[in-house]
């Protein structure tokens, strides 16, 4: 296999660090760009002695500071972004700055440097509240209901525009509910594994939103990392692919596998009852399929539970206050 010079934005983040792990398995020379606003140096500590890894602290919103690091790069994996719904409603300008202008800077730096392959990290949130009776295909109409979803979709559209106008070979991966070791440990609006595991370590009950029968297409992070690498190695270009399992799991099943007591808190408006990826396209065109079952994935999470020992423990009261914020910013109060 040819060894490439690869750049990963957001490489110190949850998913990005696993992509770095996977790329280093193939002995590529990796440059990580991260401003550590959400990424953690600890996510890469196990690689600090690897001579094929260089870590640059920089912000993708500053084109002049990042552009020199794209010189002689063969492949770019763009994972740097701000996530979560309510924070994007509270502070939309930050999300536009990072997810739209930041993405454009990464694309422009790639164009100027003559990058041969670009993989964009898109979000399944672009589909809005999907039909719960059928799996969501890539042809599903776009319905971006919040600034986070909108900015990620505009970033994707910008990427495709650069691909078409400037002949930048591109694949976009629309990720569903990614989980696994190193998942984010803060925030009440997402990262359910981080919230639950911090609660488990503190012997607190799991705070289940609604009745817990809502389902999510949980996809294990190493499967996602393999999807990134598979997309980069392929000759497919200018295509978007769903990345999930096609097998949604309920929050109640997650609680059962984690083991512990639970309490219920109010359901939040605007959250889908089901996310369900149709992965026929990525199976057919990229020959990729998930390998880790939900039971196996949760087992791996529990093996690595100490990662969450310093995570903030979200009490029912704190989550209740956050849920009130959710209603407030959505005009539902």
C-alpha atoms as a PDB file:
ATOM      1  CA  UNK A   1       0.000   0.000   0.000  1.00  0.00           C
ATOM      2  CA  UNK A   2       1.257   3.467  -0.900  1.00  0.00           C
ATOM      3  CA  UNK A   3       2.163   5.592   2.088  1.00  0.00           C
ATOM      4  CA  UNK A   4       0.698   9.071   1.898  1.00  0.00           C
ATOM      5  CA  UNK A   5       1.071  12.388   3.608  1.00  0.00           C
ATOM      6  CA  UNK A   6      -2.260  12.942   5.303  1.00  0.00           C
ATOM      7  CA  UNK A   7      -3.782  15.899   7.160  1.00  0.00           C
ATOM      8  CA  UNK A   8      -6.597  15.445   9.676  1.00  0.00           C
ATOM      9  CA  UNK A   9      -8.445  18.500  10.978  1.00  0.00           C
ATOM     10  CA  UNK A  10      -9.985  17.901  14.386  1.00  0.00           C
ATOM     11  CA  UNK A  11      -7.642  14.953  14.819  1.00  0.00           C
ATOM     12  CA  UNK A  12      -7.619  15.286  18.612  1.00  0.00           C
ATOM     13  CA  UNK A  13     -11.378  14.892  18.792  1.00  0.00           C
ATOM     14  CA  UNK A  14     -13.424  11.793  19.496  1.00  0.00           C
ATOM     15  CA  UNK A  15     -13.826  10.540  15.926  1.00  0.00           C
ATOM     16  CA  UNK A  16     -10.750  12.295  14.563  1.00  0.00           C
ATOM     17  CA  UNK A  17      -8.383  10.536  16.967  1.00  0.00           C
ATOM     18  CA  UNK A  18      -9.739   7.159  15.881  1.00  0.00           C
ATOM     19  CA  UNK A  19      -9.265   8.124  12.236  1.00  0.00           C
ATOM     20  CA  UNK A  20      -5.649   8.991  13.103  1.00  0.00           C
ATOM     21  CA  UNK A  21      -5.249   5.591  14.789  1.00  0.00           C
ATOM     22  CA  UNK A  22      -6.560   3.840  11.691  1.00  0.00           C
ATOM     23  CA  UNK A  23      -4.361   5.810   9.279  1.00  0.00           C
ATOM     24  CA  UNK A  24      -1.245   5.148  11.331  1.00  0.00           C
ATOM     25  CA  UNK A  25      -1.949   1.434  11.076  1.00  0.00           C
ATOM     26  CA  UNK A  26      -1.220   1.865   7.366  1.00  0.00           C
ATOM     27  CA  UNK A  27       1.969   3.806   8.145  1.00  0.00           C
ATOM     28  CA  UNK A  28       0.909   7.104   6.602  1.00  0.00           C
ATOM     29  CA  UNK A  29       2.604  10.325   7.674  1.00  0.00           C
ATOM     30  CA  UNK A  30      -0.043  12.265   9.593  1.00  0.00           C
ATOM     31  CA  UNK A  31      -0.406  15.946  10.419  1.00  0.00           C
ATOM     32  CA  UNK A  32      -3.175  16.791  12.888  1.00  0.00           C
ATOM     33  CA  UNK A  33      -4.568  20.322  13.052  1.00  0.00           C
ATOM     34  CA  UNK A  34      -6.702  21.029  16.121  1.00  0.00           C
ATOM     35  CA  UNK A  35      -7.378  24.097  18.252  1.00  0.00           C
ATOM     36  CA  UNK A  36      -8.326  21.878  21.224  1.00  0.00           C
ATOM     37  CA  UNK A  37     -11.595  23.721  21.823  1.00  0.00           C
ATOM     38  CA  UNK A  38     -13.372  20.359  21.948  1.00  0.00           C
ATOM     39  CA  UNK A  39     -10.562  17.943  21.122  1.00  0.00           C
ATOM     40  CA  UNK A  40      -8.292  16.618  23.858  1.00  0.00           C
ATOM     41  CA  UNK A  41      -4.546  16.123  23.830  1.00  0.00           C
ATOM     42  CA  UNK A  42      -5.213  13.008  25.913  1.00  0.00           C
ATOM     43  CA  UNK A  43      -6.929  11.422  22.907  1.00  0.00           C
ATOM     44  CA  UNK A  44      -3.547  11.322  21.154  1.00  0.00           C
ATOM     45  CA  UNK A  45      -1.254  10.702  24.129  1.00  0.00           C
ATOM     46  CA  UNK A  46      -0.894   7.024  23.250  1.00  0.00           C
ATOM     47  CA  UNK A  47       0.622   8.112  19.916  1.00  0.00           C
ATOM     48  CA  UNK A  48       2.993  10.836  21.119  1.00  0.00           C
ATOM     49  CA  UNK A  49       6.114   8.744  20.435  1.00  0.00           C
ATOM     50  CA  UNK A  50       5.000   7.828  16.916  1.00  0.00           C
ATOM     51  CA  UNK A  51       7.439   9.459  14.457  1.00  0.00           C
ATOM     52  CA  UNK A  52       4.743   9.559  11.756  1.00  0.00           C
ATOM     53  CA  UNK A  53       2.510  11.939  13.721  1.00  0.00           C
ATOM     54  CA  UNK A  54       2.827  15.723  13.907  1.00  0.00           C
ATOM     55  CA  UNK A  55       0.338  17.773  15.946  1.00  0.00           C
ATOM     56  CA  UNK A  56      -0.254  21.431  15.077  1.00  0.00           C
ATOM     57  CA  UNK A  57      -2.335  23.643  17.351  1.00  0.00           C
ATOM     58  CA  UNK A  58      -4.165  25.977  14.989  1.00  0.00           C
ATOM     59  CA  UNK A  59      -7.679  27.171  14.169  1.00  0.00           C
ATOM     60  CA  UNK A  60      -9.236  26.345  10.805  1.00  0.00           C
ATOM     61  CA  UNK A  61     -10.888  29.784  10.845  1.00  0.00           C
ATOM     62  CA  UNK A  62      -7.432  31.287  10.227  1.00  0.00           C
ATOM     63  CA  UNK A  63      -6.510  30.370   6.654  1.00  0.00           C
ATOM     64  CA  UNK A  64      -3.075  31.982   6.807  1.00  0.00           C
ATOM     65  CA  UNK A  65      -2.064  29.898   9.825  1.00  0.00           C
ATOM     66  CA  UNK A  66      -3.217  26.542   8.457  1.00  0.00           C
ATOM     67  CA  UNK A  67      -2.381  26.843   4.733  1.00  0.00           C
ATOM     68  CA  UNK A  68       1.385  26.123   5.024  1.00  0.00           C
ATOM     69  CA  UNK A  69       0.640  22.742   6.617  1.00  0.00           C
ATOM     70  CA  UNK A  70      -1.258  21.586   3.516  1.00  0.00           C
ATOM     71  CA  UNK A  71       1.797  21.737   1.269  1.00  0.00           C
ATOM     72  CA  UNK A  72       2.688  18.306  -0.181  1.00  0.00           C
ATOM     73  CA  UNK A  73      -0.348  16.710   1.498  1.00  0.00           C
ATOM     74  CA  UNK A  74      -1.992  13.881  -0.470  1.00  0.00           C
ATOM     75  CA  UNK A  75      -5.219  13.356   1.500  1.00  0.00           C
ATOM     76  CA  UNK A  76      -7.267  15.572   3.819  1.00  0.00           C
ATOM     77  CA  UNK A  77      -9.812  14.324   6.341  1.00  0.00           C
ATOM     78  CA  UNK A  78     -11.892  17.261   7.571  1.00  0.00           C
ATOM     79  CA  UNK A  79     -13.441  16.521  10.964  1.00  0.00           C
ATOM     80  CA  UNK A  80     -13.002  19.840  12.814  1.00  0.00           C
ATOM     81  CA  UNK A  81     -16.397  21.323  13.705  1.00  0.00           C
ATOM     82  CA  UNK A  82     -18.658  22.580  16.461  1.00  0.00           C
ATOM     83  CA  UNK A  83     -21.484  20.198  17.390  1.00  0.00           C
ATOM     84  CA  UNK A  84     -24.794  20.081  19.324  1.00  0.00           C
ATOM     85  CA  UNK A  85     -28.158  21.679  18.663  1.00  0.00           C
ATOM     86  CA  UNK A  86     -28.983  24.106  21.481  1.00  0.00           C
ATOM     87  CA  UNK A  87     -25.534  25.729  21.656  1.00  0.00           C
ATOM     88  CA  UNK A  88     -25.845  26.402  17.938  1.00  0.00           C
ATOM     89  CA  UNK A  89     -29.164  28.160  18.542  1.00  0.00           C
ATOM     90  CA  UNK A  90     -27.686  30.201  21.375  1.00  0.00           C
ATOM     91  CA  UNK A  91     -24.569  31.206  19.424  1.00  0.00           C
ATOM     92  CA  UNK A  92     -25.136  30.687  15.685  1.00  0.00           C
ATOM     93  CA  UNK A  93     -22.315  33.006  14.620  1.00  0.00           C
ATOM     94  CA  UNK A  94     -19.718  30.703  16.174  1.00  0.00           C
ATOM     95  CA  UNK A  95     -21.181  27.759  14.294  1.00  0.00           C
ATOM     96  CA  UNK A  96     -21.170  29.612  10.973  1.00  0.00           C
ATOM     97  CA  UNK A  97     -17.614  30.718  11.620  1.00  0.00           C
ATOM     98  CA  UNK A  98     -16.325  27.222  12.420  1.00  0.00           C
ATOM     99  CA  UNK A  99     -18.484  24.954  10.295  1.00  0.00           C
ATOM    100  CA  UNK A 100     -18.935  27.088   7.186  1.00  0.00           C
ATOM    101  CA  UNK A 101     -16.021  29.534   6.970  1.00  0.00           C
ATOM    102  CA  UNK A 102     -13.663  27.065   8.641  1.00  0.00           C
ATOM    103  CA  UNK A 103     -14.632  24.368   6.158  1.00  0.00           C
ATOM    104  CA  UNK A 104     -14.151  26.762   3.254  1.00  0.00           C
ATOM    105  CA  UNK A 105     -10.656  27.570   4.541  1.00  0.00           C
ATOM    106  CA  UNK A 106      -9.779  23.880   4.706  1.00  0.00           C
ATOM    107  CA  UNK A 107     -11.103  23.382   1.188  1.00  0.00           C
ATOM    108  CA  UNK A 108      -9.241  26.414  -0.135  1.00  0.00           C
ATOM    109  CA  UNK A 109      -5.982  25.361   1.523  1.00  0.00           C
ATOM    110  CA  UNK A 110      -6.465  21.924  -0.037  1.00  0.00           C
ATOM    111  CA  UNK A 111      -7.126  23.423  -3.467  1.00  0.00           C
ATOM    112  CA  UNK A 112      -4.103  25.664  -3.306  1.00  0.00           C
ATOM    113  CA  UNK A 113      -1.895  22.745  -2.272  1.00  0.00           C
ATOM    114  CA  UNK A 114      -3.169  20.371  -4.944  1.00  0.00           C
ATOM    115  CA  UNK A 115      -4.556  17.784  -2.513  1.00  0.00           C
ATOM    116  CA  UNK A 116      -5.464  14.541  -4.290  1.00  0.00           C
ATOM    117  CA  UNK A 117      -8.273  13.336  -2.009  1.00  0.00           C
ATOM    118  CA  UNK A 118     -10.662  15.053   0.421  1.00  0.00           C
ATOM    119  CA  UNK A 119     -13.094  13.424   2.861  1.00  0.00           C
ATOM    120  CA  UNK A 120     -15.705  15.708   4.444  1.00  0.00           C
ATOM    121  CA  UNK A 121     -17.495  14.859   7.696  1.00  0.00           C
ATOM    122  CA  UNK A 122     -21.182  15.567   7.203  1.00  0.00           C
ATOM    123  CA  UNK A 123     -24.081  15.003   9.597  1.00  0.00           C
ATOM    124  CA  UNK A 124     -27.282  13.000   9.332  1.00  0.00           C
ATOM    125  CA  UNK A 125     -28.949  15.947  11.077  1.00  0.00           C
ATOM    126  CA  UNK A 126     -29.318  17.434   7.600  1.00  0.00           C
ATOM    127  CA  UNK A 127     -32.365  15.163   7.133  1.00  0.00           C
ATOM    128  CA  UNK A 128     -34.304  16.809   9.971  1.00  0.00           C
ATOM    129  CA  UNK A 129     -37.063  14.683  11.506  1.00  0.00           C
ATOM    130  CA  UNK A 130     -37.081  11.634   9.243  1.00  0.00           C
ATOM    131  CA  UNK A 131     -39.846   9.195   8.413  1.00  0.00           C
ATOM    132  CA  UNK A 132     -39.668   6.630  11.214  1.00  0.00           C
ATOM    133  CA  UNK A 133     -41.156   3.808   9.146  1.00  0.00           C
ATOM    134  CA  UNK A 134     -38.338   3.511   6.614  1.00  0.00           C
ATOM    135  CA  UNK A 135     -34.572   3.865   6.650  1.00  0.00           C
ATOM    136  CA  UNK A 136     -33.241   7.243   5.499  1.00  0.00           C
ATOM    137  CA  UNK A 137     -31.602   7.221   2.082  1.00  0.00           C
ATOM    138  CA  UNK A 138     -29.136   9.800   0.772  1.00  0.00           C
ATOM    139  CA  UNK A 139     -31.908  10.971  -1.559  1.00  0.00           C
ATOM    140  CA  UNK A 140     -34.072  12.008   1.402  1.00  0.00           C
ATOM    141  CA  UNK A 141     -35.036  15.677   1.215  1.00  0.00           C
ATOM    142  CA  UNK A 142     -32.892  18.042   3.249  1.00  0.00           C
ATOM    143  CA  UNK A 143     -34.561  19.704   6.237  1.00  0.00           C
ATOM    144  CA  UNK A 144     -32.006  21.552   8.359  1.00  0.00           C
ATOM    145  CA  UNK A 145     -33.960  22.627  11.430  1.00  0.00           C
ATOM    146  CA  UNK A 146     -31.169  24.132  13.539  1.00  0.00           C
ATOM    147  CA  UNK A 147     -28.013  26.174  12.938  1.00  0.00           C
ATOM    148  CA  UNK A 148     -25.795  23.161  13.662  1.00  0.00           C
ATOM    149  CA  UNK A 149     -27.498  21.049  10.995  1.00  0.00           C
ATOM    150  CA  UNK A 150     -27.600  23.952   8.555  1.00  0.00           C
ATOM    151  CA  UNK A 151     -23.943  24.863   8.955  1.00  0.00           C
ATOM    152  CA  UNK A 152     -22.807  21.268   8.520  1.00  0.00           C
ATOM    153  CA  UNK A 153     -24.927  20.984   5.379  1.00  0.00           C
ATOM    154  CA  UNK A 154     -23.662  24.290   3.977  1.00  0.00           C
ATOM    155  CA  UNK A 155     -20.159  22.994   4.647  1.00  0.00           C
ATOM    156  CA  UNK A 156     -20.990  19.873   2.656  1.00  0.00           C
ATOM    157  CA  UNK A 157     -22.450  21.887  -0.213  1.00  0.00           C
ATOM    158  CA  UNK A 158     -19.352  24.095  -0.184  1.00  0.00           C
ATOM    159  CA  UNK A 159     -17.191  20.990  -0.387  1.00  0.00           C
ATOM    160  CA  UNK A 160     -19.102  19.692  -3.391  1.00  0.00           C
ATOM    161  CA  UNK A 161     -18.844  23.112  -5.025  1.00  0.00           C
ATOM    162  CA  UNK A 162     -15.061  23.110  -4.604  1.00  0.00           C
ATOM    163  CA  UNK A 163     -15.001  19.539  -5.923  1.00  0.00           C
ATOM    164  CA  UNK A 164     -16.913  20.517  -9.055  1.00  0.00           C
ATOM    165  CA  UNK A 165     -15.292  23.872  -9.793  1.00  0.00           C
ATOM    166  CA  UNK A 166     -11.723  23.103  -8.775  1.00  0.00           C
ATOM    167  CA  UNK A 167     -11.576  19.374  -9.539  1.00  0.00           C
ATOM    168  CA  UNK A 168     -10.944  18.385  -5.923  1.00  0.00           C
ATOM    169  CA  UNK A 169     -11.737  14.647  -5.557  1.00  0.00           C
ATOM    170  CA  UNK A 170     -14.211  14.475  -2.675  1.00  0.00           C
ATOM    171  CA  UNK A 171     -16.342  12.046  -0.677  1.00  0.00           C
ATOM    172  CA  UNK A 172     -18.746  13.193   2.046  1.00  0.00           C
ATOM    173  CA  UNK A 173     -19.782  10.906   4.902  1.00  0.00           C
ATOM    174  CA  UNK A 174     -23.079  11.643   6.652  1.00  0.00           C
ATOM    175  CA  UNK A 175     -22.547  10.198  10.110  1.00  0.00           C
ATOM    176  CA  UNK A 176     -25.383   8.924  12.252  1.00  0.00           C
ATOM    177  CA  UNK A 177     -24.987   8.332  16.035  1.00  0.00           C
ATOM    178  CA  UNK A 178     -21.322   7.586  16.596  1.00  0.00           C
ATOM    179  CA  UNK A 179     -20.247   6.116  19.941  1.00  0.00           C
ATOM    180  CA  UNK A 180     -17.182   4.498  21.437  1.00  0.00           C
ATOM    181  CA  UNK A 181     -14.101   5.164  23.574  1.00  0.00           C
ATOM    182  CA  UNK A 182     -13.133   8.861  23.840  1.00  0.00           C
ATOM    183  CA  UNK A 183     -16.650  10.106  23.079  1.00  0.00           C
ATOM    184  CA  UNK A 184     -17.342  13.567  24.438  1.00  0.00           C
ATOM    185  CA  UNK A 185     -17.837  13.832  28.180  1.00  0.00           C
ATOM    186  CA  UNK A 186     -19.809  17.059  28.417  1.00  0.00           C
ATOM    187  CA  UNK A 187     -23.097  18.442  27.200  1.00  0.00           C
ATOM    188  CA  UNK A 188     -26.671  17.459  27.923  1.00  0.00           C
ATOM    189  CA  UNK A 189     -27.857  17.821  24.343  1.00  0.00           C
ATOM    190  CA  UNK A 190     -25.967  14.901  22.836  1.00  0.00           C
ATOM    191  CA  UNK A 191     -23.189  12.452  23.671  1.00  0.00           C
ATOM    192  CA  UNK A 192     -25.609  10.218  25.565  1.00  0.00           C
ATOM    193  CA  UNK A 193     -22.825   7.722  26.252  1.00  0.00           C
ATOM    194  CA  UNK A 194     -20.687  10.353  27.977  1.00  0.00           C
ATOM    195  CA  UNK A 195     -23.590  11.478  30.155  1.00  0.00           C
ATOM    196  CA  UNK A 196     -24.608   7.914  31.039  1.00  0.00           C
ATOM    197  CA  UNK A 197     -21.103   6.677  31.783  1.00  0.00           C
ATOM    198  CA  UNK A 198     -20.322   9.601  34.078  1.00  0.00           C
ATOM    199  CA  UNK A 199     -23.572   8.844  35.875  1.00  0.00           C
ATOM    200  CA  UNK A 200     -22.697   5.144  36.122  1.00  0.00           C
ATOM    201  CA  UNK A 201     -19.270   5.867  37.595  1.00  0.00           C
ATOM    202  CA  UNK A 202     -20.903   8.100  40.229  1.00  0.00           C
ATOM    203  CA  UNK A 203     -23.628   5.550  41.011  1.00  0.00           C
ATOM    204  CA  UNK A 204     -26.272   7.973  39.785  1.00  0.00           C
ATOM    205  CA  UNK A 205     -29.381   6.890  37.868  1.00  0.00           C
ATOM    206  CA  UNK A 206     -29.377   7.244  34.113  1.00  0.00           C
ATOM    207  CA  UNK A 207     -31.438  10.250  33.002  1.00  0.00           C
ATOM    208  CA  UNK A 208     -33.563   8.878  30.169  1.00  0.00           C
ATOM    209  CA  UNK A 209     -35.309  11.422  27.981  1.00  0.00           C
ATOM    210  CA  UNK A 210     -38.974  10.563  27.458  1.00  0.00           C
ATOM    211  CA  UNK A 211     -39.941   6.905  27.711  1.00  0.00           C
ATOM    212  CA  UNK A 212     -36.607   5.637  26.404  1.00  0.00           C
ATOM    213  CA  UNK A 213     -38.210   3.818  23.492  1.00  0.00           C
ATOM    214  CA  UNK A 214     -36.744   6.287  21.011  1.00  0.00           C
ATOM    215  CA  UNK A 215     -34.159   4.602  18.818  1.00  0.00           C
ATOM    216  CA  UNK A 216     -30.852   5.744  17.388  1.00  0.00           C
ATOM    217  CA  UNK A 217     -28.660   4.275  14.689  1.00  0.00           C
ATOM    218  CA  UNK A 218     -25.633   3.869  16.943  1.00  0.00           C
ATOM    219  CA  UNK A 219     -22.439   3.176  14.961  1.00  0.00           C
ATOM    220  CA  UNK A 220     -19.188   2.206  16.683  1.00  0.00           C
ATOM    221  CA  UNK A 221     -16.335   4.638  16.154  1.00  0.00           C
ATOM    222  CA  UNK A 222     -13.828   2.130  14.732  1.00  0.00           C
ATOM    223  CA  UNK A 223     -16.363   1.225  12.047  1.00  0.00           C
ATOM    224  CA  UNK A 224     -16.634   4.933  11.268  1.00  0.00           C
ATOM    225  CA  UNK A 225     -12.850   5.276  11.066  1.00  0.00           C
ATOM    226  CA  UNK A 226     -12.785   2.373   8.622  1.00  0.00           C
ATOM    227  CA  UNK A 227     -15.451   4.121   6.542  1.00  0.00           C
ATOM    228  CA  UNK A 228     -13.255   7.229   6.320  1.00  0.00           C
ATOM    229  CA  UNK A 229     -10.232   5.251   5.199  1.00  0.00           C
ATOM    230  CA  UNK A 230     -12.264   3.147   2.756  1.00  0.00           C
ATOM    231  CA  UNK A 231     -13.701   6.307   1.202  1.00  0.00           C
ATOM    232  CA  UNK A 232     -10.257   7.889   0.890  1.00  0.00           C
ATOM    233  CA  UNK A 233      -8.722   4.809  -0.719  1.00  0.00           C
ATOM    234  CA  UNK A 234     -11.538   4.405  -3.235  1.00  0.00           C
ATOM    235  CA  UNK A 235     -11.779   6.004  -6.656  1.00  0.00           C
ATOM    236  CA  UNK A 236     -15.355   7.156  -6.017  1.00  0.00           C
ATOM    237  CA  UNK A 237     -15.703  10.923  -6.079  1.00  0.00           C
ATOM    238  CA  UNK A 238     -18.330  13.629  -5.614  1.00  0.00           C
ATOM    239  CA  UNK A 239     -20.651  11.347  -3.662  1.00  0.00           C
ATOM    240  CA  UNK A 240     -22.306  11.500  -0.230  1.00  0.00           C
ATOM    241  CA  UNK A 241     -22.784   8.359   1.844  1.00  0.00           C
ATOM    242  CA  UNK A 242     -24.717   7.530   4.996  1.00  0.00           C
ATOM    243  CA  UNK A 243     -22.591   5.906   7.701  1.00  0.00           C
ATOM    244  CA  UNK A 244     -24.622   3.908  10.213  1.00  0.00           C
ATOM    245  CA  UNK A 245     -25.582   0.310  10.919  1.00  0.00           C
ATOM    246  CA  UNK A 246     -29.088   0.170   9.527  1.00  0.00           C
ATOM    247  CA  UNK A 247     -30.100  -1.377  12.869  1.00  0.00           C
ATOM    248  CA  UNK A 248     -31.455   1.257  15.284  1.00  0.00           C
ATOM    249  CA  UNK A 249     -31.263   0.519  19.023  1.00  0.00           C
ATOM    250  CA  UNK A 250     -33.422   1.937  21.796  1.00  0.00           C
ATOM    251  CA  UNK A 251     -32.105   4.050  24.656  1.00  0.00           C
ATOM    252  CA  UNK A 252     -33.723   1.554  27.023  1.00  0.00           C
ATOM    253  CA  UNK A 253     -31.621  -1.222  25.503  1.00  0.00           C
ATOM    254  CA  UNK A 254     -28.523   0.896  26.020  1.00  0.00           C
ATOM    255  CA  UNK A 255     -29.430   1.344  29.689  1.00  0.00           C
ATOM    256  CA  UNK A 256     -29.972  -2.405  30.011  1.00  0.00           C
ATOM    257  CA  UNK A 257     -26.544  -3.160  28.550  1.00  0.00           C
ATOM    258  CA  UNK A 258     -24.832  -0.559  30.740  1.00  0.00           C
ATOM    259  CA  UNK A 259     -26.627  -1.818  33.833  1.00  0.00           C
ATOM    260  CA  UNK A 260     -28.124   0.512  36.423  1.00  0.00           C
ATOM    261  CA  UNK A 261     -31.185   2.382  37.580  1.00  0.00           C
ATOM    262  CA  UNK A 262     -32.882   5.000  35.443  1.00  0.00           C
ATOM    263  CA  UNK A 263     -35.198   7.940  35.856  1.00  0.00           C
ATOM    264  CA  UNK A 264     -37.188   9.688  33.159  1.00  0.00           C
ATOM    265  CA  UNK A 265     -37.008  13.370  32.243  1.00  0.00           C
ATOM    266  CA  UNK A 266     -39.245  15.310  29.815  1.00  0.00           C
ATOM    267  CA  UNK A 267     -38.955  14.662  26.128  1.00  0.00           C
ATOM    268  CA  UNK A 268     -37.355  17.553  24.263  1.00  0.00           C
ATOM    269  CA  UNK A 269     -39.012  19.149  21.227  1.00  0.00           C
ATOM    270  CA  UNK A 270     -37.363  18.736  17.866  1.00  0.00           C
ATOM    271  CA  UNK A 271     -35.656  15.435  18.677  1.00  0.00           C
ATOM    272  CA  UNK A 272     -36.513  12.556  16.340  1.00  0.00           C
ATOM    273  CA  UNK A 273     -37.998   9.394  17.791  1.00  0.00           C
ATOM    274  CA  UNK A 274     -35.884   7.357  15.415  1.00  0.00           C
ATOM    275  CA  UNK A 275     -32.701   7.722  13.376  1.00  0.00           C
ATOM    276  CA  UNK A 276     -32.210   4.927  10.867  1.00  0.00           C
ATOM    277  CA  UNK A 277     -29.593   4.913   8.134  1.00  0.00           C
ATOM    278  CA  UNK A 278     -30.064   3.205   4.814  1.00  0.00           C
ATOM    279  CA  UNK A 279     -26.489   2.083   4.080  1.00  0.00           C
ATOM    280  CA  UNK A 280     -27.165   0.328   0.783  1.00  0.00           C
ATOM    281  CA  UNK A 281     -25.219   2.929  -1.195  1.00  0.00           C
ATOM    282  CA  UNK A 282     -21.999   2.749   0.829  1.00  0.00           C
ATOM    283  CA  UNK A 283     -22.159  -1.055   0.857  1.00  0.00           C
ATOM    284  CA  UNK A 284     -22.553  -1.200  -2.907  1.00  0.00           C
ATOM    285  CA  UNK A 285     -20.163   1.564  -3.981  1.00  0.00           C
ATOM    286  CA  UNK A 286     -17.444   1.342  -1.328  1.00  0.00           C
ATOM    287  CA  UNK A 287     -17.860  -2.280  -0.156  1.00  0.00           C
ATOM    288  CA  UNK A 288     -17.979  -1.026   3.431  1.00  0.00           C
ATOM    289  CA  UNK A 289     -20.166  -2.479   6.165  1.00  0.00           C
ATOM    290  CA  UNK A 290     -20.138  -2.134   9.974  1.00  0.00           C
ATOM    291  CA  UNK A 291     -18.411  -4.941  11.849  1.00  0.00           C
ATOM    292  CA  UNK A 292     -19.064  -4.162  15.534  1.00  0.00           C
ATOM    293  CA  UNK A 293     -22.410  -5.172  17.022  1.00  0.00           C
ATOM    294  CA  UNK A 294     -24.139  -2.917  19.531  1.00  0.00           C
ATOM    295  CA  UNK A 295     -23.528  -5.423  22.319  1.00  0.00           C
ATOM    296  CA  UNK A 296     -19.822  -5.642  21.440  1.00  0.00           C
ATOM    297  CA  UNK A 297     -19.520  -1.883  21.202  1.00  0.00           C
ATOM    298  CA  UNK A 298     -21.107  -1.221  24.578  1.00  0.00           C
ATOM    299  CA  UNK A 299     -18.816  -3.905  26.006  1.00  0.00           C
ATOM    300  CA  UNK A 300     -15.805  -1.991  24.688  1.00  0.00           C
ATOM    301  CA  UNK A 301     -17.189   1.187  26.210  1.00  0.00           C
ATOM    302  CA  UNK A 302     -17.398  -0.480  29.622  1.00  0.00           C
ATOM    303  CA  UNK A 303     -13.822  -1.743  29.307  1.00  0.00           C
ATOM    304  CA  UNK A 304     -12.718   1.865  28.804  1.00  0.00           C
ATOM    305  CA  UNK A 305     -15.060   3.422  31.345  1.00  0.00           C
ATOM    306  CA  UNK A 306     -12.243   5.065  33.322  1.00  0.00           C
ATOM    307  CA  UNK A 307     -11.989   7.639  30.519  1.00  0.00           C
ATOM    308  CA  UNK A 308     -15.185   9.191  31.888  1.00  0.00           C
ATOM    309  CA  UNK A 309     -14.120   9.260  35.561  1.00  0.00           C
ATOM    310  CA  UNK A 310     -13.488  13.012  35.490  1.00  0.00           C
ATOM    311  CA  UNK A 311     -16.524  13.840  33.389  1.00  0.00           C
ATOM    312  CA  UNK A 312     -19.137  16.201  34.857  1.00  0.00           C
ATOM    313  CA  UNK A 313     -22.051  14.278  36.314  1.00  0.00           C
ATOM    314  CA  UNK A 314     -25.316  15.629  35.004  1.00  0.00           C
ATOM    315  CA  UNK A 315     -27.909  15.387  37.755  1.00  0.00           C
ATOM    316  CA  UNK A 316     -31.620  15.300  36.965  1.00  0.00           C
ATOM    317  CA  UNK A 317     -31.857  18.877  38.263  1.00  0.00           C
ATOM    318  CA  UNK A 318     -29.065  20.102  35.971  1.00  0.00           C
ATOM    319  CA  UNK A 319     -30.517  18.303  32.983  1.00  0.00           C
ATOM    320  CA  UNK A 320     -33.924  19.709  33.871  1.00  0.00           C
ATOM    321  CA  UNK A 321     -32.488  23.223  33.735  1.00  0.00           C
ATOM    322  CA  UNK A 322     -30.819  22.450  30.410  1.00  0.00           C
ATOM    323  CA  UNK A 323     -34.078  21.059  29.088  1.00  0.00           C
ATOM    324  CA  UNK A 324     -35.802  24.298  30.075  1.00  0.00           C
ATOM    325  CA  UNK A 325     -33.151  26.117  28.037  1.00  0.00           C
ATOM    326  CA  UNK A 326     -33.955  23.774  25.170  1.00  0.00           C
ATOM    327  CA  UNK A 327     -37.642  24.737  25.340  1.00  0.00           C
ATOM    328  CA  UNK A 328     -36.784  28.411  25.763  1.00  0.00           C
ATOM    329  CA  UNK A 329     -34.549  28.679  22.725  1.00  0.00           C
ATOM    330  CA  UNK A 330     -37.001  26.742  20.601  1.00  0.00           C
ATOM    331  CA  UNK A 331     -39.837  29.018  21.655  1.00  0.00           C
ATOM    332  CA  UNK A 332     -41.725  26.211  23.344  1.00  0.00           C
ATOM    333  CA  UNK A 333     -41.770  27.584  26.883  1.00  0.00           C
END
